[in-house]
Amino acid sequence: MTPEQQIQRIQTFGYSEPEAQFLRLVALHSGYFLRRQFLRSVERRNGKYAQDFFDKLIARGHGCREVFRQDRHLFRLQSKAIYEALGTENNRNRREHQPSTIRLRLMGLDFILEHPEYRYLLTEQEKFFYFSQQCGIEPEVLPARSIRANGALTTRYFPDRFPQFLDTGNPAGASFVYIDDEQLSVGTLRSYIDQYRALFQALRHAGLVFVTRHHWRFEAARNILEQRSDLNLNFTSCVLEHDYDLFGTLRARDGSSRATSFVVASLQEIKP
């Protein structure tokens, strides 16, 4: 199914084309989004258009909303019907995730929204097909993790689920996005590189984008990469200026407060 066909199928639920494009991106990449991310995608200011979209999303059961202090909203695209329309009914993005995972997904979504010029490989299937079929790389070379599901051992490729994109520059090639979790040491980049080392070595040219909120963490990451002289990577940074700090208690729609799994880790949205 082509991206155009996927967008058309989401439109049958009553969404406009820009809305359907955004929902497709959220479903395939993150499962979660913030108000400002929707506004950026559809190039609108906050107002009736946005409120109508959010009301429609929730009223039709396609999404749910958590409201935090200062009226900050986090949306989750949860409807199985949306994922079935995309041909990814088993996509785990529709499930609830830990705050640390949500934060990284939101950072990845911001990177994609800020760089719409690239062709992104959003799903495990797209990534596997590109590297194994188009690049001719053996599956054993691809980063993978074995998990047990329904009593059977299953191999999950590219388990980090970070964005990847195809760059038409000179030289052309695939670029990988590493999203920096500032709650962990920059040294965790070593584990990522070790997991991808065989694939990086199999590619003639590859890029690695270090997405972070702090420039000094990129400098520390560059020092780590310089120790891996066997890798020919174009290492660049993308510093996001949004705030993803975790805070406070969830505020229910009726105005009362209730403790949730986000009580020490709730996502903060900074409105534009």
C-alpha atoms as a PDB file:
ATOM      1  CA  MET A   1       0.000   0.000   0.000  1.00  0.00           C
ATOM      2  CA  THR A   2       1.413   3.377  -1.006  1.00  0.00           C
ATOM      3  CA  PRO A   3       1.471   6.407   1.336  1.00  0.00           C
ATOM      4  CA  GLU A   4      -1.145   8.048  -0.886  1.00  0.00           C
ATOM      5  CA  GLN A   5      -3.461   5.067  -0.506  1.00  0.00           C
ATOM      6  CA  GLN A   6      -2.955   5.047   3.253  1.00  0.00           C
ATOM      7  CA  ILE A   7      -3.847   8.739   3.471  1.00  0.00           C
ATOM      8  CA  GLN A   8      -6.966   8.187   1.371  1.00  0.00           C
ATOM      9  CA  ARG A   9      -8.094   5.369   3.633  1.00  0.00           C
ATOM     10  CA  ILE A  10      -7.749   7.565   6.729  1.00  0.00           C
ATOM     11  CA  GLN A  11      -9.746  10.278   4.956  1.00  0.00           C
ATOM     12  CA  THR A  12     -12.697   7.876   4.794  1.00  0.00           C
ATOM     13  CA  PHE A  13     -13.005   8.341   8.571  1.00  0.00           C
ATOM     14  CA  GLY A  14     -13.901  11.996   7.957  1.00  0.00           C
ATOM     15  CA  TYR A  15     -10.490  13.663   8.113  1.00  0.00           C
ATOM     16  CA  SER A  16      -9.136  16.208   5.668  1.00  0.00           C
ATOM     17  CA  GLU A  17      -6.038  15.364   3.644  1.00  0.00           C
ATOM     18  CA  PRO A  18      -3.646  17.370   5.899  1.00  0.00           C
ATOM     19  CA  GLU A  19      -5.197  15.768   8.977  1.00  0.00           C
ATOM     20  CA  ALA A  20      -4.916  12.292   7.444  1.00  0.00           C
ATOM     21  CA  GLN A  21      -1.272  12.908   6.511  1.00  0.00           C
ATOM     22  CA  PHE A  22      -0.497  13.813  10.102  1.00  0.00           C
ATOM     23  CA  LEU A  23      -2.384  10.840  11.561  1.00  0.00           C
ATOM     24  CA  ARG A  24      -0.538   8.487   9.210  1.00  0.00           C
ATOM     25  CA  LEU A  25       2.794   9.879  10.396  1.00  0.00           C
ATOM     26  CA  VAL A  26       1.831   9.594  14.064  1.00  0.00           C
ATOM     27  CA  ALA A  27       0.516   6.053  13.668  1.00  0.00           C
ATOM     28  CA  LEU A  28       3.598   4.788  11.855  1.00  0.00           C
ATOM     29  CA  HIS A  29       6.209   6.602  13.928  1.00  0.00           C
ATOM     30  CA  SER A  30       5.170   7.546  17.433  1.00  0.00           C
ATOM     31  CA  GLY A  31       1.596   6.769  18.455  1.00  0.00           C
ATOM     32  CA  TYR A  32       1.699   9.963  20.566  1.00  0.00           C
ATOM     33  CA  PHE A  33       1.653  13.644  19.695  1.00  0.00           C
ATOM     34  CA  LEU A  34       1.282  17.118  21.168  1.00  0.00           C
ATOM     35  CA  ARG A  35      -0.987  19.951  20.158  1.00  0.00           C
ATOM     36  CA  ARG A  36       1.872  22.044  18.760  1.00  0.00           C
ATOM     37  CA  GLN A  37       3.044  19.144  16.587  1.00  0.00           C
ATOM     38  CA  PHE A  38      -0.351  18.906  14.916  1.00  0.00           C
ATOM     39  CA  LEU A  39      -0.423  22.669  14.383  1.00  0.00           C
ATOM     40  CA  ARG A  40       3.011  22.605  12.795  1.00  0.00           C
ATOM     41  CA  SER A  41       2.085  19.741  10.486  1.00  0.00           C
ATOM     42  CA  VAL A  42      -1.093  21.375   9.160  1.00  0.00           C
ATOM     43  CA  GLU A  43       0.445  24.876   9.254  1.00  0.00           C
ATOM     44  CA  ARG A  44      -2.326  26.367  11.376  1.00  0.00           C
ATOM     45  CA  ARG A  45      -2.517  28.470  14.504  1.00  0.00           C
ATOM     46  CA  ASN A  46      -4.318  27.249  17.578  1.00  0.00           C
ATOM     47  CA  GLY A  47      -8.039  27.919  17.210  1.00  0.00           C
ATOM     48  CA  LYS A  48     -11.330  26.450  16.032  1.00  0.00           C
ATOM     49  CA  TYR A  49      -9.784  24.312  13.290  1.00  0.00           C
ATOM     50  CA  ALA A  50      -7.489  22.562  15.751  1.00  0.00           C
ATOM     51  CA  GLN A  51     -10.169  22.184  18.396  1.00  0.00           C
ATOM     52  CA  ASP A  52     -12.564  20.646  15.868  1.00  0.00           C
ATOM     53  CA  PHE A  53      -9.874  18.134  14.914  1.00  0.00           C
ATOM     54  CA  PHE A  54      -9.148  17.154  18.529  1.00  0.00           C
ATOM     55  CA  ASP A  55     -12.866  16.870  19.345  1.00  0.00           C
ATOM     56  CA  LYS A  56     -13.419  14.709  16.266  1.00  0.00           C
ATOM     57  CA  LEU A  57     -10.448  12.482  17.081  1.00  0.00           C
ATOM     58  CA  ILE A  58     -11.701  11.785  20.594  1.00  0.00           C
ATOM     59  CA  ALA A  59     -15.436  11.618  19.835  1.00  0.00           C
ATOM     60  CA  ARG A  60     -14.835   8.931  17.208  1.00  0.00           C
ATOM     61  CA  GLY A  61     -12.682   6.902  19.554  1.00  0.00           C
ATOM     62  CA  HIS A  62      -9.574   7.216  17.402  1.00  0.00           C
ATOM     63  CA  GLY A  63      -7.513   8.926  20.074  1.00  0.00           C
ATOM     64  CA  CYS A  64      -7.441   9.697  23.773  1.00  0.00           C
ATOM     65  CA  ARG A  65      -6.094  12.694  25.636  1.00  0.00           C
ATOM     66  CA  GLU A  66      -4.271  13.202  28.912  1.00  0.00           C
ATOM     67  CA  VAL A  67      -4.376  16.702  30.364  1.00  0.00           C
ATOM     68  CA  PHE A  68      -1.563  17.980  32.537  1.00  0.00           C
ATOM     69  CA  ARG A  69      -0.966  21.114  34.579  1.00  0.00           C
ATOM     70  CA  GLN A  70      -1.302  24.416  32.757  1.00  0.00           C
ATOM     71  CA  ASP A  71      -3.740  22.707  30.348  1.00  0.00           C
ATOM     72  CA  ARG A  72      -1.025  20.822  28.477  1.00  0.00           C
ATOM     73  CA  HIS A  73      -2.341  17.980  26.367  1.00  0.00           C
ATOM     74  CA  LEU A  74      -0.802  14.689  25.275  1.00  0.00           C
ATOM     75  CA  PHE A  75      -2.693  12.662  22.652  1.00  0.00           C
ATOM     76  CA  ARG A  76      -2.413   8.940  21.915  1.00  0.00           C
ATOM     77  CA  LEU A  77      -3.645   7.495  18.627  1.00  0.00           C
ATOM     78  CA  GLN A  78      -5.191   4.304  19.951  1.00  0.00           C
ATOM     79  CA  SER A  79      -7.856   3.165  17.484  1.00  0.00           C
ATOM     80  CA  LYS A  80      -7.237  -0.241  15.916  1.00  0.00           C
ATOM     81  CA  ALA A  81      -9.358   0.883  12.950  1.00  0.00           C
ATOM     82  CA  ILE A  82      -6.788   3.549  12.034  1.00  0.00           C
ATOM     83  CA  TYR A  83      -3.918   1.076  12.141  1.00  0.00           C
ATOM     84  CA  GLU A  84      -5.915  -1.492  10.165  1.00  0.00           C
ATOM     85  CA  ALA A  85      -6.594   1.152   7.518  1.00  0.00           C
ATOM     86  CA  LEU A  86      -2.835   1.604   7.205  1.00  0.00           C
ATOM     87  CA  GLY A  87      -2.260  -2.140   6.911  1.00  0.00           C
ATOM     88  CA  THR A  88      -0.403  -2.228  10.256  1.00  0.00           C
ATOM     89  CA  GLU A  89      -3.048  -3.650  12.577  1.00  0.00           C
ATOM     90  CA  ASN A  90      -0.387  -5.189  14.834  1.00  0.00           C
ATOM     91  CA  ASN A  91       1.552  -1.950  15.214  1.00  0.00           C
ATOM     92  CA  ARG A  92       2.595  -1.560  18.849  1.00  0.00           C
ATOM     93  CA  ASN A  93       2.418   2.246  18.633  1.00  0.00           C
ATOM     94  CA  ARG A  94      -1.249   2.125  19.616  1.00  0.00           C
ATOM     95  CA  ARG A  95      -0.370   0.709  23.029  1.00  0.00           C
ATOM     96  CA  GLU A  96       0.430   2.687  26.150  1.00  0.00           C
ATOM     97  CA  HIS A  97       4.143   3.257  26.716  1.00  0.00           C
ATOM     98  CA  GLN A  98       6.442   4.324  29.504  1.00  0.00           C
ATOM     99  CA  PRO A  99       7.141   8.083  29.842  1.00  0.00           C
ATOM    100  CA  SER A 100      10.767   7.659  28.765  1.00  0.00           C
ATOM    101  CA  THR A 101       9.648   5.963  25.543  1.00  0.00           C
ATOM    102  CA  ILE A 102       7.001   8.598  24.886  1.00  0.00           C
ATOM    103  CA  ARG A 103       9.549  11.382  25.276  1.00  0.00           C
ATOM    104  CA  LEU A 104      11.867   9.819  22.691  1.00  0.00           C
ATOM    105  CA  ARG A 105       8.963   9.226  20.296  1.00  0.00           C
ATOM    106  CA  LEU A 106       7.932  12.879  20.566  1.00  0.00           C
ATOM    107  CA  MET A 107      11.495  14.004  19.903  1.00  0.00           C
ATOM    108  CA  GLY A 108      11.622  11.769  16.845  1.00  0.00           C
ATOM    109  CA  LEU A 109       8.321  13.184  15.618  1.00  0.00           C
ATOM    110  CA  ASP A 110       9.669  16.718  16.016  1.00  0.00           C
ATOM    111  CA  PHE A 111      12.735  15.790  13.967  1.00  0.00           C
ATOM    112  CA  ILE A 112      10.548  14.457  11.152  1.00  0.00           C
ATOM    113  CA  LEU A 113       8.299  17.527  11.203  1.00  0.00           C
ATOM    114  CA  GLU A 114      11.337  19.815  11.056  1.00  0.00           C
ATOM    115  CA  HIS A 115      12.841  17.874   8.121  1.00  0.00           C
ATOM    116  CA  PRO A 116       9.969  17.037   5.737  1.00  0.00           C
ATOM    117  CA  GLU A 117      12.304  16.975   2.737  1.00  0.00           C
ATOM    118  CA  TYR A 118      13.501  13.424   3.419  1.00  0.00           C
ATOM    119  CA  ARG A 119      11.902  10.108   2.537  1.00  0.00           C
ATOM    120  CA  TYR A 120      11.489   8.298   5.831  1.00  0.00           C
ATOM    121  CA  LEU A 121      11.521   4.589   6.542  1.00  0.00           C
ATOM    122  CA  LEU A 122       8.915   4.537   9.276  1.00  0.00           C
ATOM    123  CA  THR A 123       8.140   0.886   9.910  1.00  0.00           C
ATOM    124  CA  GLU A 124      10.152  -2.250  10.614  1.00  0.00           C
ATOM    125  CA  GLN A 125       8.890  -3.693   7.328  1.00  0.00           C
ATOM    126  CA  GLU A 126      10.011  -0.669   5.290  1.00  0.00           C
ATOM    127  CA  LYS A 127      13.468  -0.714   6.862  1.00  0.00           C
ATOM    128  CA  PHE A 128      13.886  -4.465   6.413  1.00  0.00           C
ATOM    129  CA  PHE A 129      12.811  -4.341   2.755  1.00  0.00           C
ATOM    130  CA  TYR A 130      15.095  -1.425   1.917  1.00  0.00           C
ATOM    131  CA  PHE A 131      18.262  -2.862   3.416  1.00  0.00           C
ATOM    132  CA  SER A 132      17.708  -6.520   2.576  1.00  0.00           C
ATOM    133  CA  GLN A 133      16.100  -6.203  -0.856  1.00  0.00           C
ATOM    134  CA  GLN A 134      17.291  -2.895  -2.293  1.00  0.00           C
ATOM    135  CA  CYS A 135      20.738  -2.847  -0.687  1.00  0.00           C
ATOM    136  CA  GLY A 136      21.259  -6.612  -0.783  1.00  0.00           C
ATOM    137  CA  ILE A 137      22.313  -6.864   2.851  1.00  0.00           C
ATOM    138  CA  GLU A 138      21.839 -10.205   4.599  1.00  0.00           C
ATOM    139  CA  PRO A 139      19.249 -10.178   7.426  1.00  0.00           C
ATOM    140  CA  GLU A 140      21.910 -11.432   9.857  1.00  0.00           C
ATOM    141  CA  VAL A 141      23.675  -8.074   9.484  1.00  0.00           C
ATOM    142  CA  LEU A 142      20.649  -6.029  10.520  1.00  0.00           C
ATOM    143  CA  PRO A 143      20.211  -4.970  14.163  1.00  0.00           C
ATOM    144  CA  ALA A 144      17.676  -7.282  15.756  1.00  0.00           C
ATOM    145  CA  ARG A 145      16.304  -8.577  19.021  1.00  0.00           C
ATOM    146  CA  SER A 146      14.596 -11.885  19.690  1.00  0.00           C
ATOM    147  CA  ILE A 147      11.426 -11.787  21.776  1.00  0.00           C
ATOM    148  CA  ARG A 148       8.905 -14.421  22.795  1.00  0.00           C
ATOM    149  CA  ALA A 149       5.342 -13.640  21.737  1.00  0.00           C
ATOM    150  CA  ASN A 150       2.403 -16.028  22.116  1.00  0.00           C
ATOM    151  CA  GLY A 151       4.818 -18.790  22.990  1.00  0.00           C
ATOM    152  CA  ALA A 152       6.899 -18.385  19.829  1.00  0.00           C
ATOM    153  CA  LEU A 153      10.305 -16.773  19.377  1.00  0.00           C
ATOM    154  CA  THR A 154      10.083 -13.751  17.076  1.00  0.00           C
ATOM    155  CA  THR A 155      12.831 -11.587  15.619  1.00  0.00           C
ATOM    156  CA  ARG A 156      12.261  -7.839  15.753  1.00  0.00           C
ATOM    157  CA  TYR A 157      14.486  -5.821  13.438  1.00  0.00           C
ATOM    158  CA  PHE A 158      15.533  -2.258  14.296  1.00  0.00           C
ATOM    159  CA  PRO A 159      14.128  -2.558  17.838  1.00  0.00           C
ATOM    160  CA  ASP A 160      15.060   1.019  18.813  1.00  0.00           C
ATOM    161  CA  ARG A 161      12.360   2.291  16.399  1.00  0.00           C
ATOM    162  CA  PHE A 162      14.264   5.519  15.744  1.00  0.00           C
ATOM    163  CA  PRO A 163      13.588   7.277  12.414  1.00  0.00           C
ATOM    164  CA  GLN A 164      15.656   6.475   9.355  1.00  0.00           C
ATOM    165  CA  PHE A 165      15.608   8.374   6.080  1.00  0.00           C
ATOM    166  CA  LEU A 166      17.010   8.271   2.590  1.00  0.00           C
ATOM    167  CA  ASP A 167      19.185  11.205   1.588  1.00  0.00           C
ATOM    168  CA  THR A 168      19.465  12.086  -2.095  1.00  0.00           C
ATOM    169  CA  GLY A 169      22.603  14.159  -1.505  1.00  0.00           C
ATOM    170  CA  ASN A 170      26.087  13.453  -2.791  1.00  0.00           C
ATOM    171  CA  PRO A 171      26.820  10.707  -2.049  1.00  0.00           C
ATOM    172  CA  ALA A 172      23.303   9.326  -1.703  1.00  0.00           C
ATOM    173  CA  GLY A 173      22.597   6.893   1.085  1.00  0.00           C
ATOM    174  CA  ALA A 174      20.663   6.025   4.189  1.00  0.00           C
ATOM    175  CA  SER A 175      20.820   8.141   7.307  1.00  0.00           C
ATOM    176  CA  PHE A 176      20.064   6.982  10.812  1.00  0.00           C
ATOM    177  CA  VAL A 177      18.673   9.044  13.672  1.00  0.00           C
ATOM    178  CA  TYR A 178      19.840   8.482  17.229  1.00  0.00           C
ATOM    179  CA  ILE A 179      17.609  10.189  19.787  1.00  0.00           C
ATOM    180  CA  ASP A 180      19.486  11.220  22.901  1.00  0.00           C
ATOM    181  CA  ASP A 181      17.820  10.376  26.205  1.00  0.00           C
ATOM    182  CA  GLU A 182      19.149  13.115  28.451  1.00  0.00           C
ATOM    183  CA  GLN A 183      18.201  11.125  31.546  1.00  0.00           C
ATOM    184  CA  LEU A 184      20.905   8.604  30.610  1.00  0.00           C
ATOM    185  CA  SER A 185      24.620   8.920  30.002  1.00  0.00           C
ATOM    186  CA  VAL A 186      25.776   9.958  26.539  1.00  0.00           C
ATOM    187  CA  GLY A 187      27.740   6.713  26.688  1.00  0.00           C
ATOM    188  CA  THR A 188      24.580   4.799  25.779  1.00  0.00           C
ATOM    189  CA  LEU A 189      25.437   5.808  22.210  1.00  0.00           C
ATOM    190  CA  ARG A 190      28.137   3.121  22.354  1.00  0.00           C
ATOM    191  CA  SER A 191      25.504   0.401  22.697  1.00  0.00           C
ATOM    192  CA  TYR A 192      23.604   1.780  19.719  1.00  0.00           C
ATOM    193  CA  ILE A 193      26.761   1.881  17.571  1.00  0.00           C
ATOM    194  CA  ASP A 194      27.686  -1.649  18.588  1.00  0.00           C
ATOM    195  CA  GLN A 195      24.225  -2.842  17.615  1.00  0.00           C
ATOM    196  CA  TYR A 196      24.436  -1.139  14.204  1.00  0.00           C
ATOM    197  CA  ARG A 197      28.147  -1.665  13.564  1.00  0.00           C
ATOM    198  CA  ALA A 198      27.744  -4.541  11.090  1.00  0.00           C
ATOM    199  CA  LEU A 199      25.143  -2.618   9.082  1.00  0.00           C
ATOM    200  CA  PHE A 200      27.222   0.572   9.069  1.00  0.00           C
ATOM    201  CA  GLN A 201      30.211  -1.406   7.797  1.00  0.00           C
ATOM    202  CA  ALA A 202      28.118  -3.043   5.065  1.00  0.00           C
ATOM    203  CA  LEU A 203      26.974   0.319   3.718  1.00  0.00           C
ATOM    204  CA  ARG A 204      29.342   2.300   1.509  1.00  0.00           C
ATOM    205  CA  HIS A 205      28.043   5.566   2.936  1.00  0.00           C
ATOM    206  CA  ALA A 206      25.746   6.364   5.835  1.00  0.00           C
ATOM    207  CA  GLY A 207      24.792   9.315   7.958  1.00  0.00           C
ATOM    208  CA  LEU A 208      24.091   9.417  11.673  1.00  0.00           C
ATOM    209  CA  VAL A 209      22.123  12.318  13.138  1.00  0.00           C
ATOM    210  CA  PHE A 210      22.403  12.846  16.886  1.00  0.00           C
ATOM    211  CA  VAL A 211      19.115  14.411  18.027  1.00  0.00           C
ATOM    212  CA  THR A 212      19.406  16.100  21.384  1.00  0.00           C
ATOM    213  CA  ARG A 213      18.323  19.110  23.417  1.00  0.00           C
ATOM    214  CA  HIS A 214      21.852  20.104  24.428  1.00  0.00           C
ATOM    215  CA  HIS A 215      24.774  20.910  22.145  1.00  0.00           C
ATOM    216  CA  TRP A 216      27.327  19.828  24.762  1.00  0.00           C
ATOM    217  CA  ARG A 217      25.923  16.291  24.627  1.00  0.00           C
ATOM    218  CA  PHE A 218      26.636  16.202  20.892  1.00  0.00           C
ATOM    219  CA  GLU A 219      30.241  17.155  21.566  1.00  0.00           C
ATOM    220  CA  ALA A 220      30.511  14.278  24.048  1.00  0.00           C
ATOM    221  CA  ALA A 221      28.908  11.939  21.512  1.00  0.00           C
ATOM    222  CA  ARG A 222      31.360  13.029  18.819  1.00  0.00           C
ATOM    223  CA  ASN A 223      34.231  12.079  21.101  1.00  0.00           C
ATOM    224  CA  ILE A 224      32.723   8.616  21.422  1.00  0.00           C
ATOM    225  CA  LEU A 225      32.338   8.229  17.664  1.00  0.00           C
ATOM    226  CA  GLU A 226      35.930   9.330  17.034  1.00  0.00           C
ATOM    227  CA  GLN A 227      37.011   6.233  18.924  1.00  0.00           C
ATOM    228  CA  ARG A 228      35.282   4.092  16.253  1.00  0.00           C
ATOM    229  CA  SER A 229      37.671   4.815  13.395  1.00  0.00           C
ATOM    230  CA  ASP A 230      36.486   1.759  11.445  1.00  0.00           C
ATOM    231  CA  LEU A 231      33.128   3.413  10.729  1.00  0.00           C
ATOM    232  CA  ASN A 232      32.655   5.811   7.814  1.00  0.00           C
ATOM    233  CA  LEU A 233      29.765   7.873   9.134  1.00  0.00           C
ATOM    234  CA  ASN A 234      28.733  11.422   8.418  1.00  0.00           C
ATOM    235  CA  PHE A 235      27.989  12.435  12.006  1.00  0.00           C
ATOM    236  CA  THR A 236      25.799  15.527  12.478  1.00  0.00           C
ATOM    237  CA  SER A 237      23.573  16.972  15.158  1.00  0.00           C
ATOM    238  CA  CYS A 238      20.053  18.292  15.438  1.00  0.00           C
ATOM    239  CA  VAL A 239      19.368  20.310  18.584  1.00  0.00           C
ATOM    240  CA  LEU A 240      15.668  20.526  19.409  1.00  0.00           C
ATOM    241  CA  GLU A 241      14.527  23.630  21.253  1.00  0.00           C
ATOM    242  CA  HIS A 242      11.329  22.154  22.679  1.00  0.00           C
ATOM    243  CA  ASP A 243      10.853  21.193  26.307  1.00  0.00           C
ATOM    244  CA  TYR A 244      10.201  17.521  27.036  1.00  0.00           C
ATOM    245  CA  ASP A 245      10.688  17.695  30.792  1.00  0.00           C
ATOM    246  CA  LEU A 246       8.611  15.392  32.945  1.00  0.00           C
ATOM    247  CA  PHE A 247       6.475  16.808  35.685  1.00  0.00           C
ATOM    248  CA  GLY A 248       3.441  16.801  37.920  1.00  0.00           C
ATOM    249  CA  THR A 249       0.210  14.945  38.305  1.00  0.00           C
ATOM    250  CA  LEU A 250      -2.346  14.292  35.646  1.00  0.00           C
ATOM    251  CA  ARG A 251      -5.385  16.570  35.772  1.00  0.00           C
ATOM    252  CA  ALA A 252      -8.654  14.872  34.908  1.00  0.00           C
ATOM    253  CA  ARG A 253     -11.129  16.492  32.533  1.00  0.00           C
ATOM    254  CA  ASP A 254     -13.437  17.286  35.466  1.00  0.00           C
ATOM    255  CA  GLY A 255     -10.690  19.394  37.061  1.00  0.00           C
ATOM    256  CA  SER A 256      -9.790  16.936  39.797  1.00  0.00           C
ATOM    257  CA  SER A 257      -6.277  15.592  40.236  1.00  0.00           C
ATOM    258  CA  ARG A 258      -5.394  11.926  40.114  1.00  0.00           C
ATOM    259  CA  ALA A 259      -2.143  10.053  40.365  1.00  0.00           C
ATOM    260  CA  THR A 260      -1.128   7.981  37.362  1.00  0.00           C
ATOM    261  CA  SER A 261       1.932   6.246  35.999  1.00  0.00           C
ATOM    262  CA  PHE A 262       3.002   9.722  34.910  1.00  0.00           C
ATOM    263  CA  VAL A 263       3.067  11.076  38.455  1.00  0.00           C
ATOM    264  CA  VAL A 264       6.842  11.493  38.389  1.00  0.00           C
ATOM    265  CA  ALA A 265       7.155  11.545  34.633  1.00  0.00           C
ATOM    266  CA  SER A 266       4.557  13.455  32.684  1.00  0.00           C
ATOM    267  CA  LEU A 267       5.239  15.034  29.356  1.00  0.00           C
ATOM    268  CA  GLN A 268       5.290  18.788  29.185  1.00  0.00           C
ATOM    269  CA  GLU A 269       4.135  20.501  26.044  1.00  0.00           C
ATOM    270  CA  ILE A 270       5.349  24.037  25.442  1.00  0.00           C
ATOM    271  CA  LYS A 271       2.861  25.757  23.202  1.00  0.00           C
ATOM    272  CA  PRO A 272       4.197  27.948  20.393  1.00  0.00           C
END
